[in-house]
């Protein structure tokens, strides 16, 4: 499921009201901030393009997968893939369009913008790096996917880079990897 706990305390920042959303993800103890700034002059909120939320990343990742696999993504397909209702997907797709990640026309479909493609690619690369690392450890596919879904939005770029370096090291030193696997026992 997508973020399971959300709350929105308000803080003042530079004379503007700022809502600070915190989303908790299953398997992720770290709370991810997502800022929405509300100008005193403008009553509408505009999402910060700098920090996509966990939900935004999940949706863009899945939309990118559908477009890559089928050539298009429809609300019904996204809902089935994420196991959420179609109205929930429609609401999120509209928010993604407002944030500049998608071009969306009701009953016509959607297309990812350059910003949406960049987020989807970053998450896909992160997913692939984690899969590579967990595969080297000898974990089964099901465990890998469950762990990746729990980790991919929680790890810092520095931690992810270290895991990639460790995977590189194991691949360059198969004897060390084999020794590790023997020492750690069956997975």
N, C-alpha and C. Protein backbone atom coordinates (compact mmCIF):
# COMPACT_ATOMS: atom_id res chain seq x y z
N UNK A 1 0.84 -1.18 0.00
CA UNK A 1 0.00 0.00 0.00
C UNK A 1 0.88 1.24 0.00
N UNK A 2 0.29 2.34 -0.39
CA UNK A 2 1.02 3.59 -0.37
C UNK A 2 1.09 4.09 1.06
N UNK A 3 1.56 5.33 1.26
CA UNK A 3 1.76 5.86 2.61
C UNK A 3 0.61 5.54 3.53
N UNK A 4 0.90 5.09 4.73
CA UNK A 4 -0.16 4.65 5.62
C UNK A 4 -0.49 5.65 6.72
N UNK A 5 0.43 6.54 7.06
CA UNK A 5 0.16 7.51 8.11
C UNK A 5 0.52 8.89 7.59
N UNK A 6 -0.42 9.80 7.58
CA UNK A 6 -0.17 11.16 7.13
C UNK A 6 -0.72 12.13 8.16
N UNK A 7 0.03 13.19 8.45
CA UNK A 7 -0.51 14.27 9.23
C UNK A 7 0.14 15.54 8.73
N UNK A 8 -0.52 16.68 8.98
CA UNK A 8 -0.11 17.91 8.32
C UNK A 8 0.01 19.09 9.29
N UNK A 9 1.00 19.14 10.15
CA UNK A 9 1.17 20.32 10.98
C UNK A 9 1.60 21.50 10.11
N UNK A 10 1.20 22.70 10.49
CA UNK A 10 1.60 23.88 9.74
C UNK A 10 2.71 24.62 10.46
N UNK A 11 3.65 25.15 9.71
CA UNK A 11 4.74 25.95 10.24
C UNK A 11 4.79 27.24 9.44
N UNK A 12 5.33 28.28 10.01
CA UNK A 12 5.50 29.53 9.27
C UNK A 12 6.91 29.57 8.69
N UNK A 13 7.00 29.91 7.43
CA UNK A 13 8.31 30.02 6.80
C UNK A 13 8.27 31.24 5.88
N UNK A 14 9.11 32.20 6.11
CA UNK A 14 9.21 33.41 5.29
C UNK A 14 7.84 34.07 5.07
N UNK A 15 7.04 34.13 6.11
CA UNK A 15 5.73 34.77 6.01
C UNK A 15 4.67 33.93 5.33
N UNK A 16 5.01 32.74 4.88
CA UNK A 16 4.04 31.86 4.24
C UNK A 16 3.71 30.71 5.18
N UNK A 17 2.50 30.21 5.05
CA UNK A 17 2.15 29.01 5.81
C UNK A 17 2.72 27.82 5.05
N UNK A 18 3.33 26.91 5.76
CA UNK A 18 3.91 25.73 5.13
C UNK A 18 3.30 24.50 5.78
N UNK A 19 2.73 23.64 4.98
CA UNK A 19 2.25 22.37 5.50
C UNK A 19 3.37 21.36 5.31
N UNK A 20 3.66 20.63 6.35
CA UNK A 20 4.72 19.65 6.34
C UNK A 20 4.08 18.28 6.45
N UNK A 21 4.03 17.56 5.34
CA UNK A 21 3.41 16.24 5.30
C UNK A 21 4.46 15.20 5.64
N UNK A 22 4.10 14.26 6.47
CA UNK A 22 5.00 13.16 6.77
C UNK A 22 4.30 11.86 6.40
N UNK A 23 4.95 11.08 5.60
CA UNK A 23 4.36 9.82 5.17
C UNK A 23 5.21 8.66 5.66
N UNK A 24 4.58 7.69 6.26
CA UNK A 24 5.28 6.49 6.71
C UNK A 24 4.93 5.36 5.75
N UNK A 25 5.91 4.59 5.40
CA UNK A 25 5.73 3.48 4.48
C UNK A 25 6.02 2.19 5.20
N UNK A 26 5.27 1.15 4.87
CA UNK A 26 5.50 -0.16 5.47
C UNK A 26 6.97 -0.53 5.29
N UNK A 27 7.62 -0.91 6.38
CA UNK A 27 9.02 -1.31 6.32
C UNK A 27 9.98 -0.13 6.34
N UNK A 28 9.46 1.08 6.49
CA UNK A 28 10.30 2.27 6.45
C UNK A 28 10.00 3.12 7.69
N UNK A 29 10.91 3.15 8.63
CA UNK A 29 10.68 3.91 9.85
C UNK A 29 10.92 5.40 9.65
N UNK A 30 11.63 5.76 8.59
CA UNK A 30 11.92 7.16 8.32
C UNK A 30 10.69 7.84 7.78
N UNK A 31 10.40 9.01 8.28
CA UNK A 31 9.29 9.79 7.77
C UNK A 31 9.82 10.66 6.65
N UNK A 32 9.12 10.71 5.52
CA UNK A 32 9.56 11.49 4.38
C UNK A 32 8.80 12.81 4.33
N UNK A 33 9.53 13.95 4.35
CA UNK A 33 8.84 15.22 4.27
C UNK A 33 8.44 15.55 2.84
N UNK A 34 7.32 16.19 2.69
CA UNK A 34 6.89 16.73 1.42
C UNK A 34 6.25 18.08 1.73
N UNK A 35 6.81 19.13 1.20
CA UNK A 35 6.37 20.46 1.55
C UNK A 35 5.34 20.97 0.56
N UNK A 36 4.34 21.66 1.07
CA UNK A 36 3.38 22.37 0.27
C UNK A 36 3.36 23.80 0.80
N UNK A 37 3.73 24.74 -0.02
CA UNK A 37 3.77 26.13 0.41
C UNK A 37 2.49 26.83 0.02
N UNK A 38 1.94 27.59 0.96
CA UNK A 38 0.73 28.33 0.71
C UNK A 38 1.02 29.81 0.91
N UNK A 39 1.10 30.53 -0.17
CA UNK A 39 1.37 31.95 -0.10
C UNK A 39 0.18 32.68 0.50
N UNK A 40 0.46 33.76 1.27
CA UNK A 40 -0.64 34.54 1.83
C UNK A 40 -1.44 35.21 0.72
N UNK A 41 -0.76 35.54 -0.39
CA UNK A 41 -1.44 36.21 -1.49
C UNK A 41 -2.27 35.22 -2.32
N UNK A 42 -1.87 33.97 -2.34
CA UNK A 42 -2.55 32.98 -3.16
C UNK A 42 -3.08 31.86 -2.26
N UNK A 43 -4.38 31.64 -2.23
CA UNK A 43 -4.92 30.63 -1.33
C UNK A 43 -4.70 29.19 -1.80
N UNK A 44 -4.24 28.98 -3.03
CA UNK A 44 -4.05 27.62 -3.51
C UNK A 44 -2.65 27.14 -3.18
N UNK A 45 -2.52 25.86 -2.90
CA UNK A 45 -1.24 25.25 -2.57
C UNK A 45 -0.55 24.79 -3.85
N UNK A 46 0.77 24.95 -3.89
CA UNK A 46 1.54 24.44 -5.02
C UNK A 46 2.62 23.51 -4.49
N UNK A 47 2.66 22.27 -4.97
CA UNK A 47 3.64 21.32 -4.49
C UNK A 47 5.05 21.72 -4.91
N UNK A 48 5.98 21.39 -4.07
CA UNK A 48 7.38 21.65 -4.37
C UNK A 48 7.90 20.62 -5.35
N UNK A 49 8.45 21.04 -6.50
CA UNK A 49 8.96 20.06 -7.45
C UNK A 49 10.26 19.42 -6.97
N UNK A 50 10.86 19.93 -5.91
CA UNK A 50 12.14 19.42 -5.43
C UNK A 50 12.01 18.11 -4.68
N UNK A 51 10.88 17.84 -4.07
CA UNK A 51 10.78 16.67 -3.21
C UNK A 51 9.50 15.89 -3.49
N UNK A 52 9.51 15.02 -4.52
CA UNK A 52 8.31 14.23 -4.74
C UNK A 52 8.05 13.32 -3.55
N UNK A 53 6.79 13.12 -3.24
CA UNK A 53 6.42 12.28 -2.11
C UNK A 53 6.60 10.81 -2.48
N UNK A 54 6.50 9.95 -1.48
CA UNK A 54 6.58 8.51 -1.70
C UNK A 54 5.47 8.09 -2.67
N UNK A 55 4.27 8.58 -2.47
CA UNK A 55 3.16 8.24 -3.36
C UNK A 55 3.44 8.69 -4.79
N UNK A 56 3.96 9.91 -4.93
CA UNK A 56 4.30 10.42 -6.26
C UNK A 56 5.30 9.50 -6.93
N UNK A 57 6.34 9.12 -6.19
CA UNK A 57 7.35 8.22 -6.75
C UNK A 57 6.75 6.88 -7.14
N UNK A 58 5.89 6.31 -6.28
CA UNK A 58 5.26 5.03 -6.59
C UNK A 58 4.42 5.12 -7.86
N UNK A 59 3.59 6.13 -7.94
CA UNK A 59 2.74 6.28 -9.12
C UNK A 59 3.57 6.47 -10.38
N UNK A 60 4.55 7.35 -10.34
CA UNK A 60 5.35 7.61 -11.53
C UNK A 60 6.14 6.38 -11.94
N UNK A 61 6.63 5.62 -10.97
CA UNK A 61 7.35 4.38 -11.27
C UNK A 61 6.42 3.41 -12.00
N UNK A 62 5.22 3.22 -11.49
CA UNK A 62 4.28 2.27 -12.09
C UNK A 62 3.76 2.77 -13.45
N UNK A 63 3.50 4.06 -13.56
CA UNK A 63 3.06 4.62 -14.84
C UNK A 63 4.15 4.42 -15.88
N UNK A 64 5.40 4.68 -15.50
CA UNK A 64 6.53 4.46 -16.41
C UNK A 64 6.64 3.02 -16.85
N UNK A 65 6.43 2.08 -15.91
CA UNK A 65 6.46 0.65 -16.24
C UNK A 65 5.37 0.30 -17.25
N UNK A 66 4.17 0.82 -17.02
CA UNK A 66 3.06 0.54 -17.94
C UNK A 66 3.33 1.10 -19.33
N UNK A 67 3.81 2.32 -19.39
CA UNK A 67 4.09 2.95 -20.69
C UNK A 67 5.20 2.17 -21.40
N UNK A 68 6.19 1.74 -20.67
CA UNK A 68 7.28 0.98 -21.28
C UNK A 68 6.78 -0.37 -21.80
N UNK A 69 5.92 -1.02 -21.03
CA UNK A 69 5.44 -2.35 -21.39
C UNK A 69 4.34 -2.32 -22.45
N UNK A 70 3.38 -1.39 -22.33
CA UNK A 70 2.21 -1.39 -23.20
C UNK A 70 2.19 -0.25 -24.21
N UNK A 71 3.01 0.78 -23.97
CA UNK A 71 2.99 1.95 -24.84
C UNK A 71 2.05 3.03 -24.35
N UNK A 72 1.28 2.74 -23.30
CA UNK A 72 0.33 3.71 -22.73
C UNK A 72 0.02 3.29 -21.30
N UNK A 73 -0.60 4.20 -20.58
CA UNK A 73 -1.07 3.90 -19.22
C UNK A 73 -2.45 4.51 -19.06
N UNK A 74 -3.39 3.68 -18.63
CA UNK A 74 -4.76 4.14 -18.36
C UNK A 74 -5.01 4.06 -16.86
N UNK A 75 -5.96 4.84 -16.40
CA UNK A 75 -6.32 4.85 -14.98
C UNK A 75 -6.65 3.44 -14.50
N UNK A 76 -7.41 2.70 -15.29
CA UNK A 76 -7.80 1.35 -14.90
C UNK A 76 -6.57 0.44 -14.73
N UNK A 77 -5.58 0.61 -15.60
CA UNK A 77 -4.36 -0.20 -15.51
C UNK A 77 -3.53 0.16 -14.28
N UNK A 78 -3.45 1.46 -14.01
CA UNK A 78 -2.69 1.93 -12.84
C UNK A 78 -3.36 1.42 -11.57
N UNK A 79 -4.68 1.51 -11.51
CA UNK A 79 -5.43 1.05 -10.34
C UNK A 79 -5.19 -0.44 -10.10
N UNK A 80 -5.23 -1.23 -11.16
CA UNK A 80 -5.01 -2.67 -11.02
C UNK A 80 -3.59 -2.97 -10.54
N UNK A 81 -2.62 -2.27 -11.10
CA UNK A 81 -1.22 -2.50 -10.74
C UNK A 81 -0.92 -2.11 -9.29
N UNK A 82 -1.49 -0.99 -8.84
CA UNK A 82 -1.24 -0.51 -7.47
C UNK A 82 -2.25 -1.05 -6.46
N UNK A 83 -3.27 -1.76 -6.96
CA UNK A 83 -4.30 -2.33 -6.09
C UNK A 83 -5.01 -1.25 -5.28
N UNK A 84 -5.41 -0.19 -5.98
CA UNK A 84 -6.18 0.90 -5.37
C UNK A 84 -7.39 1.17 -6.28
N UNK A 85 -8.33 1.96 -5.78
CA UNK A 85 -9.54 2.23 -6.56
C UNK A 85 -9.25 3.20 -7.71
N UNK A 86 -10.07 3.11 -8.74
CA UNK A 86 -9.93 4.00 -9.88
C UNK A 86 -10.12 5.47 -9.50
N UNK A 87 -11.11 5.80 -8.64
CA UNK A 87 -11.23 7.21 -8.23
C UNK A 87 -9.97 7.73 -7.51
N UNK A 88 -9.33 6.87 -6.72
CA UNK A 88 -8.08 7.29 -6.06
C UNK A 88 -7.00 7.57 -7.09
N UNK A 89 -6.92 6.72 -8.09
CA UNK A 89 -5.92 6.92 -9.15
C UNK A 89 -6.22 8.20 -9.92
N UNK A 90 -7.48 8.42 -10.25
CA UNK A 90 -7.85 9.64 -10.98
C UNK A 90 -7.45 10.88 -10.19
N UNK A 91 -7.73 10.89 -8.90
CA UNK A 91 -7.36 12.04 -8.06
C UNK A 91 -5.85 12.24 -8.05
N UNK A 92 -5.09 11.15 -7.93
CA UNK A 92 -3.64 11.26 -7.90
C UNK A 92 -3.09 11.70 -9.26
N UNK A 93 -3.64 11.17 -10.33
CA UNK A 93 -3.20 11.55 -11.67
C UNK A 93 -3.44 13.05 -11.88
N UNK A 94 -4.56 13.56 -11.40
CA UNK A 94 -4.83 14.99 -11.52
C UNK A 94 -3.81 15.80 -10.73
N UNK A 95 -3.45 15.33 -9.52
CA UNK A 95 -2.43 16.01 -8.72
C UNK A 95 -1.06 15.96 -9.41
N UNK A 96 -0.74 14.82 -10.01
CA UNK A 96 0.53 14.69 -10.72
C UNK A 96 0.57 15.63 -11.93
N UNK A 97 -0.56 15.79 -12.59
CA UNK A 97 -0.64 16.72 -13.72
C UNK A 97 -0.47 18.16 -13.23
N UNK A 98 -1.12 18.51 -12.13
CA UNK A 98 -0.99 19.86 -11.56
C UNK A 98 0.44 20.15 -11.13
N UNK A 99 1.14 19.11 -10.67
CA UNK A 99 2.53 19.27 -10.23
C UNK A 99 3.51 19.29 -11.40
N UNK A 100 3.02 19.01 -12.61
CA UNK A 100 3.88 19.06 -13.78
C UNK A 100 4.57 17.75 -14.13
N UNK A 101 4.14 16.63 -13.52
CA UNK A 101 4.74 15.33 -13.81
C UNK A 101 4.05 14.61 -14.97
N UNK A 102 2.80 14.96 -15.25
CA UNK A 102 2.02 14.32 -16.31
C UNK A 102 1.25 15.37 -17.09
N UNK A 103 0.94 15.04 -18.34
CA UNK A 103 -0.07 15.76 -19.10
C UNK A 103 -1.26 14.82 -19.13
N UNK A 104 -2.40 15.29 -18.62
CA UNK A 104 -3.57 14.43 -18.47
C UNK A 104 -4.81 15.14 -18.96
N UNK A 105 -5.57 14.43 -19.79
CA UNK A 105 -6.88 14.90 -20.21
C UNK A 105 -7.89 13.83 -19.86
N UNK A 106 -8.94 14.24 -19.17
CA UNK A 106 -9.98 13.29 -18.76
C UNK A 106 -10.50 12.54 -19.98
N UNK A 107 -10.61 11.22 -19.85
CA UNK A 107 -11.09 10.30 -20.87
C UNK A 107 -10.14 10.17 -22.07
N UNK A 108 -9.00 10.83 -22.04
CA UNK A 108 -8.07 10.77 -23.16
C UNK A 108 -6.79 10.01 -22.81
N UNK A 109 -6.42 10.00 -21.56
CA UNK A 109 -5.18 9.33 -21.18
C UNK A 109 -4.16 10.29 -20.63
N UNK A 110 -2.96 9.79 -20.48
CA UNK A 110 -1.92 10.61 -19.88
C UNK A 110 -0.58 10.34 -20.55
N UNK A 111 0.29 11.34 -20.44
CA UNK A 111 1.64 11.26 -20.96
C UNK A 111 2.56 11.85 -19.90
N UNK A 112 3.70 11.22 -19.67
CA UNK A 112 4.64 11.75 -18.70
C UNK A 112 5.39 12.94 -19.29
N UNK A 113 5.60 13.96 -18.46
CA UNK A 113 6.43 15.09 -18.86
C UNK A 113 7.90 14.72 -18.62
N UNK A 114 8.80 15.60 -18.99
CA UNK A 114 10.23 15.37 -18.73
C UNK A 114 10.48 15.23 -17.24
N UNK A 115 9.81 16.05 -16.43
CA UNK A 115 9.98 15.96 -14.97
C UNK A 115 9.48 14.61 -14.45
N UNK A 116 8.34 14.15 -14.95
CA UNK A 116 7.80 12.85 -14.55
C UNK A 116 8.71 11.72 -14.97
N UNK A 117 9.23 11.80 -16.19
CA UNK A 117 10.15 10.79 -16.69
C UNK A 117 11.43 10.74 -15.85
N UNK A 118 11.91 11.91 -15.43
CA UNK A 118 13.14 11.97 -14.62
C UNK A 118 12.94 11.28 -13.27
N UNK A 119 11.80 11.53 -12.62
CA UNK A 119 11.52 10.87 -11.34
C UNK A 119 11.39 9.37 -11.54
N UNK A 120 10.62 8.96 -12.56
CA UNK A 120 10.43 7.53 -12.83
C UNK A 120 11.76 6.84 -13.12
N UNK A 121 12.62 7.48 -13.88
CA UNK A 121 13.93 6.90 -14.20
C UNK A 121 14.80 6.78 -12.96
N UNK A 122 14.77 7.80 -12.11
CA UNK A 122 15.56 7.76 -10.87
C UNK A 122 15.10 6.61 -9.98
N UNK A 123 13.79 6.42 -9.86
CA UNK A 123 13.27 5.34 -9.03
C UNK A 123 13.57 3.99 -9.67
N UNK A 124 13.45 3.90 -10.99
CA UNK A 124 13.76 2.64 -11.68
C UNK A 124 15.23 2.26 -11.49
N UNK A 125 16.11 3.25 -11.59
CA UNK A 125 17.55 2.99 -11.37
C UNK A 125 17.83 2.58 -9.93
N UNK A 126 17.16 3.23 -8.99
CA UNK A 126 17.30 2.87 -7.58
C UNK A 126 16.82 1.44 -7.36
N UNK A 127 15.69 1.10 -7.95
CA UNK A 127 15.13 -0.24 -7.84
C UNK A 127 16.12 -1.28 -8.40
N UNK A 128 16.68 -0.99 -9.57
CA UNK A 128 17.62 -1.92 -10.21
C UNK A 128 18.88 -2.09 -9.36
N UNK A 129 19.37 -1.00 -8.76
CA UNK A 129 20.57 -1.09 -7.92
C UNK A 129 20.30 -1.96 -6.69
N UNK A 130 19.16 -1.78 -6.07
CA UNK A 130 18.82 -2.59 -4.90
C UNK A 130 18.61 -4.06 -5.29
N UNK A 131 17.98 -4.29 -6.42
CA UNK A 131 17.77 -5.65 -6.89
C UNK A 131 19.12 -6.34 -7.14
N UNK A 132 20.02 -5.63 -7.76
CA UNK A 132 21.36 -6.17 -8.03
C UNK A 132 22.04 -6.57 -6.72
N UNK A 133 22.00 -5.68 -5.74
CA UNK A 133 22.64 -5.94 -4.45
C UNK A 133 22.00 -7.15 -3.76
N UNK A 134 20.69 -7.18 -3.68
CA UNK A 134 20.00 -8.28 -2.99
C UNK A 134 20.17 -9.61 -3.74
N UNK A 135 20.26 -9.55 -5.05
CA UNK A 135 20.52 -10.77 -5.84
C UNK A 135 21.88 -11.35 -5.49
N UNK A 136 22.87 -10.49 -5.34
CA UNK A 136 24.21 -10.96 -4.98
C UNK A 136 24.20 -11.65 -3.62
N UNK A 137 23.32 -11.22 -2.75
CA UNK A 137 23.24 -11.85 -1.43
C UNK A 137 22.53 -13.21 -1.48
N UNK A 138 21.96 -13.53 -2.63
CA UNK A 138 21.33 -14.83 -2.80
C UNK A 138 19.89 -14.90 -2.32
N UNK A 139 19.25 -13.76 -2.17
CA UNK A 139 17.85 -13.74 -1.71
C UNK A 139 16.91 -14.09 -2.86
N UNK A 140 15.81 -14.75 -2.53
CA UNK A 140 14.84 -15.13 -3.55
C UNK A 140 14.11 -13.90 -4.07
N UNK A 141 13.52 -14.05 -5.25
CA UNK A 141 12.85 -12.95 -5.96
C UNK A 141 11.76 -12.28 -5.11
N UNK A 142 10.95 -13.07 -4.46
CA UNK A 142 9.84 -12.53 -3.65
C UNK A 142 10.36 -11.67 -2.50
N UNK A 143 11.38 -12.16 -1.81
CA UNK A 143 11.98 -11.40 -0.71
C UNK A 143 12.61 -10.11 -1.24
N UNK A 144 13.30 -10.23 -2.38
CA UNK A 144 13.92 -9.04 -2.97
C UNK A 144 12.89 -7.95 -3.23
N UNK A 145 11.81 -8.31 -3.92
CA UNK A 145 10.79 -7.31 -4.28
C UNK A 145 10.14 -6.69 -3.05
N UNK A 146 9.84 -7.51 -2.05
CA UNK A 146 9.24 -6.97 -0.82
C UNK A 146 10.20 -6.01 -0.13
N UNK A 147 11.47 -6.37 -0.05
CA UNK A 147 12.45 -5.50 0.59
C UNK A 147 12.70 -4.23 -0.21
N UNK A 148 12.76 -4.37 -1.52
CA UNK A 148 12.99 -3.19 -2.36
C UNK A 148 11.85 -2.20 -2.20
N UNK A 149 10.62 -2.68 -2.20
CA UNK A 149 9.48 -1.77 -2.03
C UNK A 149 9.54 -1.06 -0.69
N UNK A 150 10.07 -1.71 0.33
CA UNK A 150 10.20 -1.08 1.64
C UNK A 150 11.37 -0.12 1.72
N UNK A 151 12.41 -0.38 0.95
CA UNK A 151 13.64 0.42 1.06
C UNK A 151 13.76 1.56 0.05
N UNK A 152 13.23 1.37 -1.15
CA UNK A 152 13.60 2.25 -2.24
C UNK A 152 13.32 3.74 -2.00
N UNK A 153 12.36 4.05 -1.17
CA UNK A 153 12.06 5.45 -0.89
C UNK A 153 12.70 5.93 0.41
N UNK A 154 13.30 5.02 1.15
CA UNK A 154 13.82 5.34 2.48
C UNK A 154 15.33 5.57 2.50
N UNK A 155 16.05 4.95 1.60
CA UNK A 155 17.50 5.04 1.63
C UNK A 155 17.98 6.39 1.10
N UNK A 156 18.97 6.92 1.75
CA UNK A 156 19.57 8.16 1.28
C UNK A 156 20.40 7.87 0.04
N UNK A 157 20.66 8.87 -0.79
CA UNK A 157 21.53 8.67 -1.95
C UNK A 157 22.92 8.16 -1.54
N UNK A 158 23.43 8.60 -0.40
CA UNK A 158 24.75 8.16 0.06
C UNK A 158 24.73 6.66 0.39
N UNK A 159 23.68 6.21 1.07
CA UNK A 159 23.57 4.78 1.40
C UNK A 159 23.42 3.94 0.15
N UNK A 160 22.60 4.40 -0.78
CA UNK A 160 22.42 3.68 -2.03
C UNK A 160 23.74 3.58 -2.79
N UNK A 161 24.49 4.67 -2.82
CA UNK A 161 25.80 4.65 -3.50
C UNK A 161 26.73 3.64 -2.86
N UNK A 162 26.71 3.53 -1.53
CA UNK A 162 27.55 2.54 -0.84
C UNK A 162 27.13 1.12 -1.17
N UNK A 163 25.83 0.87 -1.28
CA UNK A 163 25.35 -0.46 -1.64
C UNK A 163 25.79 -0.81 -3.07
N UNK A 164 25.76 0.16 -3.96
CA UNK A 164 26.24 -0.07 -5.33
C UNK A 164 27.73 -0.38 -5.31
N UNK A 165 28.51 0.36 -4.50
CA UNK A 165 29.94 0.09 -4.38
C UNK A 165 30.19 -1.31 -3.81
N UNK A 166 29.39 -1.72 -2.85
CA UNK A 166 29.54 -3.05 -2.26
C UNK A 166 29.19 -4.13 -3.30
N UNK A 167 28.16 -3.89 -4.10
CA UNK A 167 27.82 -4.83 -5.17
C UNK A 167 28.96 -4.91 -6.18
N UNK A 168 29.52 -3.76 -6.54
CA UNK A 168 30.68 -3.74 -7.44
C UNK A 168 31.83 -4.56 -6.86
N UNK A 169 32.08 -4.38 -5.57
CA UNK A 169 33.17 -5.10 -4.89
C UNK A 169 32.92 -6.61 -4.92
N UNK A 170 31.71 -7.02 -4.59
CA UNK A 170 31.38 -8.45 -4.61
C UNK A 170 31.54 -9.03 -6.02
N UNK A 171 31.09 -8.28 -7.03
CA UNK A 171 31.21 -8.77 -8.40
C UNK A 171 32.67 -8.86 -8.85
N UNK A 172 33.49 -7.94 -8.38
CA UNK A 172 34.91 -7.94 -8.73
C UNK A 172 35.70 -8.98 -7.93
N UNK A 173 35.11 -9.45 -6.83
CA UNK A 173 35.78 -10.40 -5.94
C UNK A 173 34.84 -11.57 -5.64
N UNK A 174 34.62 -12.45 -6.63
CA UNK A 174 33.67 -13.55 -6.43
C UNK A 174 34.05 -14.49 -5.29
N UNK A 175 35.33 -14.62 -4.99
CA UNK A 175 35.74 -15.49 -3.88
C UNK A 175 35.26 -14.91 -2.55
N UNK A 176 35.31 -13.60 -2.41
CA UNK A 176 34.83 -12.94 -1.19
C UNK A 176 33.31 -13.13 -1.08
N UNK A 177 32.61 -12.97 -2.19
CA UNK A 177 31.16 -13.17 -2.19
C UNK A 177 30.82 -14.60 -1.79
N UNK A 178 31.52 -15.55 -2.38
CA UNK A 178 31.27 -16.96 -2.06
C UNK A 178 31.55 -17.23 -0.58
N UNK A 179 32.62 -16.65 -0.05
CA UNK A 179 32.95 -16.80 1.37
C UNK A 179 31.84 -16.19 2.23
N UNK A 180 31.34 -15.02 1.84
CA UNK A 180 30.25 -14.38 2.58
C UNK A 180 29.01 -15.27 2.58
N UNK A 181 28.65 -15.79 1.43
CA UNK A 181 27.46 -16.63 1.32
C UNK A 181 27.58 -17.90 2.19
N UNK A 182 28.79 -18.49 2.18
CA UNK A 182 29.01 -19.68 3.02
C UNK A 182 28.88 -19.32 4.49
N UNK A 183 29.45 -18.20 4.88
CA UNK A 183 29.44 -17.77 6.29
C UNK A 183 28.04 -17.38 6.75
N UNK A 184 27.25 -16.82 5.86
CA UNK A 184 25.91 -16.35 6.25
C UNK A 184 24.87 -17.46 6.24
N UNK A 185 25.19 -18.59 5.66
CA UNK A 185 24.25 -19.71 5.64
C UNK A 185 23.21 -19.57 4.56
N UNK A 186 22.28 -20.51 4.51
CA UNK A 186 21.25 -20.47 3.46
C UNK A 186 20.32 -19.29 3.63
N UNK A 187 19.85 -18.76 2.49
CA UNK A 187 18.93 -17.61 2.56
C UNK A 187 17.50 -18.04 2.51
